[in-house]
Amino acid sequence: MMGYRKCFVQDFVIVLILFKSILCTTVPFLSFMTKKNLAVDKAETFMETKSASYFECVAKCSKHPTCNTVSFSVAGQCLLSGEVLVFGNGLSTKLTDGQGWKTAFKFIYRVTAKRGVNGHNTLTFAEAAGRCEDYGLTIATPVQVLEARTQGMEKCNCAWLSDGSSGLILQSERLSCTSYPYHDGIMTAPCASRTLQNVWC
């Protein structure tokens, strides 16, 4: 019985170490966006290597100072590119169709949606600016949020803006997010009746 318990504890420790390893590895991916069934054009790559997984492939890019885009195939191919690919009004011409490929590209928007200290949708407008200041940021203007949307950002969260309005941004209709009619721009209708929200910073 003691031997079984010791083995169980050892297995648990191994699983915990593996989980910690995966968690630490995925942190750099937070600044990456992913597109499926697309691959970066090989003419635009500076390195082609093998990787055991998509996450390992992206980790290689995140650690390389000149890598901005990375593509991974189910066969284990890993393509690193220095090209900065932004998805706004259409797909970059430097990508090609690739069944089974995943392409990730670095992108850091100038705005972000933050929650209150008590969780999701807990901020009044009076508290919103202060929450941004907690992160060393200022509350975002509608113009800044619209700029992020044109660069490909979407966020299904109602959040306060500097002018006292609030809204969310989507790239296409998403009934899983809201049943209100989709439109380009900041969608304010889904948030109009909310007195507690997140905040755009």
Protein backbone atom coordinates (compact mmCIF):
# COMPACT_ATOMS: atom_id res chain seq x y z
CA MET A 1 0.00 0.00 0.00
CA MET A 2 2.82 2.37 0.86
CA GLY A 3 4.56 1.52 -2.42
CA TYR A 4 1.40 2.32 -4.36
CA ARG A 5 0.97 5.63 -2.56
CA LYS A 6 4.61 6.57 -3.16
CA CYS A 7 4.20 5.82 -6.85
CA PHE A 8 1.01 7.87 -7.00
CA VAL A 9 2.75 10.84 -5.38
CA GLN A 10 5.65 10.57 -7.81
CA ASP A 11 3.27 10.47 -10.78
CA PHE A 12 1.41 13.49 -9.41
CA VAL A 13 4.68 15.44 -9.06
CA ILE A 14 5.66 14.55 -12.63
CA VAL A 15 2.27 15.70 -13.96
CA LEU A 16 2.60 18.93 -11.95
CA ILE A 17 6.07 19.59 -13.40
CA LEU A 18 4.81 18.93 -16.92
CA PHE A 19 1.85 21.26 -16.38
CA LYS A 20 4.17 23.99 -15.09
CA SER A 21 6.42 23.48 -18.10
CA ILE A 22 3.49 23.85 -20.52
CA LEU A 23 2.19 26.90 -18.68
CA CYS A 24 5.58 28.62 -18.76
CA THR A 25 6.04 27.74 -22.42
CA THR A 26 2.73 29.23 -23.47
CA VAL A 27 3.27 32.63 -21.85
CA PRO A 28 5.19 34.05 -24.88
CA PHE A 29 2.29 33.05 -27.17
CA LEU A 30 -0.03 35.62 -25.60
CA SER A 31 1.14 38.22 -28.11
CA PHE A 32 0.48 35.87 -31.05
CA MET A 33 -2.69 35.56 -33.13
CA THR A 34 -3.35 32.33 -35.02
CA LYS A 35 -4.85 31.53 -38.43
CA LYS A 36 -5.62 27.95 -39.46
CA ASN A 37 -5.03 26.37 -42.89
CA LEU A 38 -2.66 29.14 -43.94
CA ALA A 39 1.13 29.09 -44.22
CA VAL A 40 3.69 31.83 -44.65
CA ASP A 41 5.20 31.87 -48.14
CA LYS A 42 8.51 29.97 -48.02
CA ALA A 43 10.12 32.82 -49.96
CA GLU A 44 9.47 35.01 -46.92
CA THR A 45 11.09 32.68 -44.35
CA PHE A 46 14.61 32.83 -42.93
CA MET A 47 14.56 29.43 -41.22
CA GLU A 48 12.91 26.06 -41.77
CA THR A 49 13.19 23.53 -38.99
CA LYS A 50 11.36 20.63 -37.31
CA SER A 51 9.21 20.90 -34.20
CA ALA A 52 7.36 18.33 -32.12
CA SER A 53 4.33 20.59 -31.70
CA TYR A 54 2.77 23.89 -32.71
CA PHE A 55 3.62 25.36 -29.30
CA GLU A 56 7.27 24.39 -29.61
CA CYS A 57 7.36 25.98 -33.06
CA VAL A 58 5.85 29.25 -31.80
CA ALA A 59 8.24 29.22 -28.84
CA LYS A 60 11.17 29.19 -31.29
CA CYS A 61 9.77 32.30 -32.95
CA SER A 62 9.08 34.05 -29.66
CA LYS A 63 12.72 33.57 -28.62
CA HIS A 64 14.17 34.75 -31.93
CA PRO A 65 14.73 38.53 -32.04
CA THR A 66 13.82 38.93 -35.72
CA CYS A 67 10.93 36.46 -35.96
CA ASN A 68 7.45 37.93 -36.29
CA THR A 69 5.53 35.16 -38.07
CA VAL A 70 5.66 31.37 -37.75
CA SER A 71 3.90 28.52 -39.55
CA PHE A 72 3.60 24.91 -38.35
CA SER A 73 2.39 21.86 -40.29
CA VAL A 74 0.94 18.59 -39.02
CA ALA A 75 4.08 16.96 -40.45
CA GLY A 76 6.20 18.94 -37.98
CA GLN A 77 7.56 21.58 -40.33
CA CYS A 78 8.26 24.91 -38.65
CA LEU A 79 8.78 28.04 -40.77
CA LEU A 80 10.11 31.24 -39.22
CA SER A 81 9.70 34.59 -40.93
CA GLY A 82 10.62 38.17 -40.12
CA GLU A 83 7.59 39.50 -41.97
CA VAL A 84 5.05 41.47 -39.94
CA LEU A 85 1.62 40.26 -41.08
CA VAL A 86 -1.42 42.28 -40.07
CA PHE A 87 -4.94 41.03 -40.73
CA GLY A 88 -7.32 43.94 -41.14
CA ASN A 89 -9.43 44.25 -44.26
CA GLY A 90 -8.08 41.05 -45.76
CA LEU A 91 -5.43 38.33 -45.56
CA SER A 92 -1.81 39.15 -46.24
CA THR A 93 -0.60 38.26 -49.74
CA LYS A 94 2.48 36.73 -48.11
CA LEU A 95 0.39 33.78 -46.90
CA THR A 96 -0.60 30.76 -48.95
CA ASP A 97 -3.34 28.17 -48.54
CA GLY A 98 -2.02 25.26 -46.50
CA GLN A 99 -4.32 22.49 -45.34
CA GLY A 100 -3.23 21.35 -41.90
CA TRP A 101 -1.00 24.37 -41.31
CA LYS A 102 -1.29 26.93 -38.52
CA THR A 103 0.23 30.38 -38.79
CA ALA A 104 0.81 32.63 -35.81
CA PHE A 105 1.94 36.22 -35.97
CA LYS A 106 3.04 38.66 -33.31
CA PHE A 107 0.64 41.45 -32.71
CA ILE A 108 0.38 43.84 -29.80
CA TYR A 109 -2.59 46.18 -29.89
CA ARG A 110 -2.50 49.65 -28.40
CA VAL A 111 -5.64 48.92 -26.36
CA THR A 112 -6.73 46.15 -24.04
CA ALA A 113 -9.88 45.34 -22.05
CA LYS A 114 -9.33 45.09 -18.30
CA ARG A 115 -11.58 43.63 -15.61
CA GLY A 116 -12.24 45.11 -12.20
CA VAL A 117 -10.52 43.81 -9.07
CA ASN A 118 -13.71 41.88 -8.29
CA GLY A 119 -13.86 40.19 -11.67
CA HIS A 120 -15.69 40.42 -14.99
CA ASN A 121 -18.23 43.27 -15.47
CA THR A 122 -17.79 44.87 -12.04
CA LEU A 123 -16.72 48.44 -12.89
CA THR A 124 -18.86 51.58 -12.92
CA PHE A 125 -17.76 54.33 -15.28
CA ALA A 126 -16.54 56.34 -12.27
CA GLU A 127 -14.19 53.47 -11.39
CA ALA A 128 -13.07 52.70 -14.93
CA ALA A 129 -10.24 55.23 -15.38
CA GLY A 130 -8.78 54.30 -12.01
CA ARG A 131 -8.64 50.65 -13.01
CA CYS A 132 -6.56 51.55 -16.07
CA GLU A 133 -4.27 53.59 -13.84
CA ASP A 134 -3.68 50.47 -11.76
CA TYR A 135 -1.84 49.11 -14.82
CA GLY A 136 -0.09 52.41 -15.60
CA LEU A 137 -2.52 53.03 -18.49
CA THR A 138 -5.21 55.55 -19.36
CA ILE A 139 -8.79 54.84 -20.37
CA ALA A 140 -9.02 54.41 -24.15
CA THR A 141 -10.86 56.69 -26.54
CA PRO A 142 -13.34 55.40 -29.14
CA VAL A 143 -10.83 56.33 -31.86
CA GLN A 144 -8.15 54.11 -30.30
CA VAL A 145 -10.51 51.14 -29.99
CA LEU A 146 -11.67 51.58 -33.59
CA GLU A 147 -8.05 51.64 -34.72
CA ALA A 148 -7.44 48.32 -32.97
CA ARG A 149 -10.51 46.87 -34.67
CA THR A 150 -9.25 47.85 -38.13
CA GLN A 151 -6.04 45.97 -37.29
CA GLY A 152 -7.98 42.77 -36.60
CA MET A 153 -8.81 42.95 -32.91
CA GLU A 154 -12.13 41.70 -31.58
CA LYS A 155 -13.39 41.42 -28.03
CA CYS A 156 -16.78 40.11 -26.89
CA ASN A 157 -16.73 42.17 -23.70
CA CYS A 158 -18.66 45.32 -22.90
CA ALA A 159 -16.15 47.89 -21.69
CA TRP A 160 -16.15 51.59 -20.82
CA LEU A 161 -14.60 54.25 -23.07
CA SER A 162 -13.23 57.68 -22.18
CA ASP A 163 -16.34 59.55 -23.37
CA GLY A 164 -18.62 57.60 -21.01
CA SER A 165 -19.95 55.28 -23.71
CA SER A 166 -19.22 51.56 -23.80
CA GLY A 167 -19.12 48.83 -26.35
CA LEU A 168 -17.49 45.75 -27.85
CA ILE A 169 -15.80 45.12 -31.18
CA LEU A 170 -16.17 42.15 -33.54
CA GLN A 171 -14.78 41.25 -36.95
CA SER A 172 -17.92 39.43 -38.08
CA GLU A 173 -21.35 38.41 -36.81
CA ARG A 174 -21.09 36.16 -33.75
CA LEU A 175 -24.43 35.06 -32.37
CA SER A 176 -22.57 33.33 -29.54
CA CYS A 177 -21.53 36.83 -28.44
CA THR A 178 -24.61 38.94 -29.09
CA SER A 179 -27.93 38.76 -30.94
CA TYR A 180 -27.79 42.46 -31.78
CA PRO A 181 -27.21 43.24 -35.48
CA TYR A 182 -23.53 43.21 -36.38
CA HIS A 183 -21.88 46.32 -37.81
CA ASP A 184 -18.39 47.64 -38.42
CA GLY A 185 -17.29 49.83 -35.56
CA ILE A 186 -17.93 49.84 -31.83
CA MET A 187 -21.13 47.97 -31.04
CA THR A 188 -22.76 49.94 -28.24
CA ALA A 189 -26.27 48.43 -28.30
CA PRO A 190 -25.36 45.19 -26.45
CA CYS A 191 -23.88 47.26 -23.62
CA ALA A 192 -26.36 50.14 -23.33
CA SER A 193 -28.30 48.78 -20.36
CA ARG A 194 -25.26 47.67 -18.35
CA THR A 195 -24.14 49.76 -15.38
CA LEU A 196 -21.24 47.45 -14.52
CA GLN A 197 -18.70 46.57 -17.20
CA ASN A 198 -15.01 46.14 -17.97
CA VAL A 199 -12.88 49.03 -19.26
CA TRP A 200 -10.88 49.74 -22.42
CA CYS A 201 -7.38 50.91 -21.53
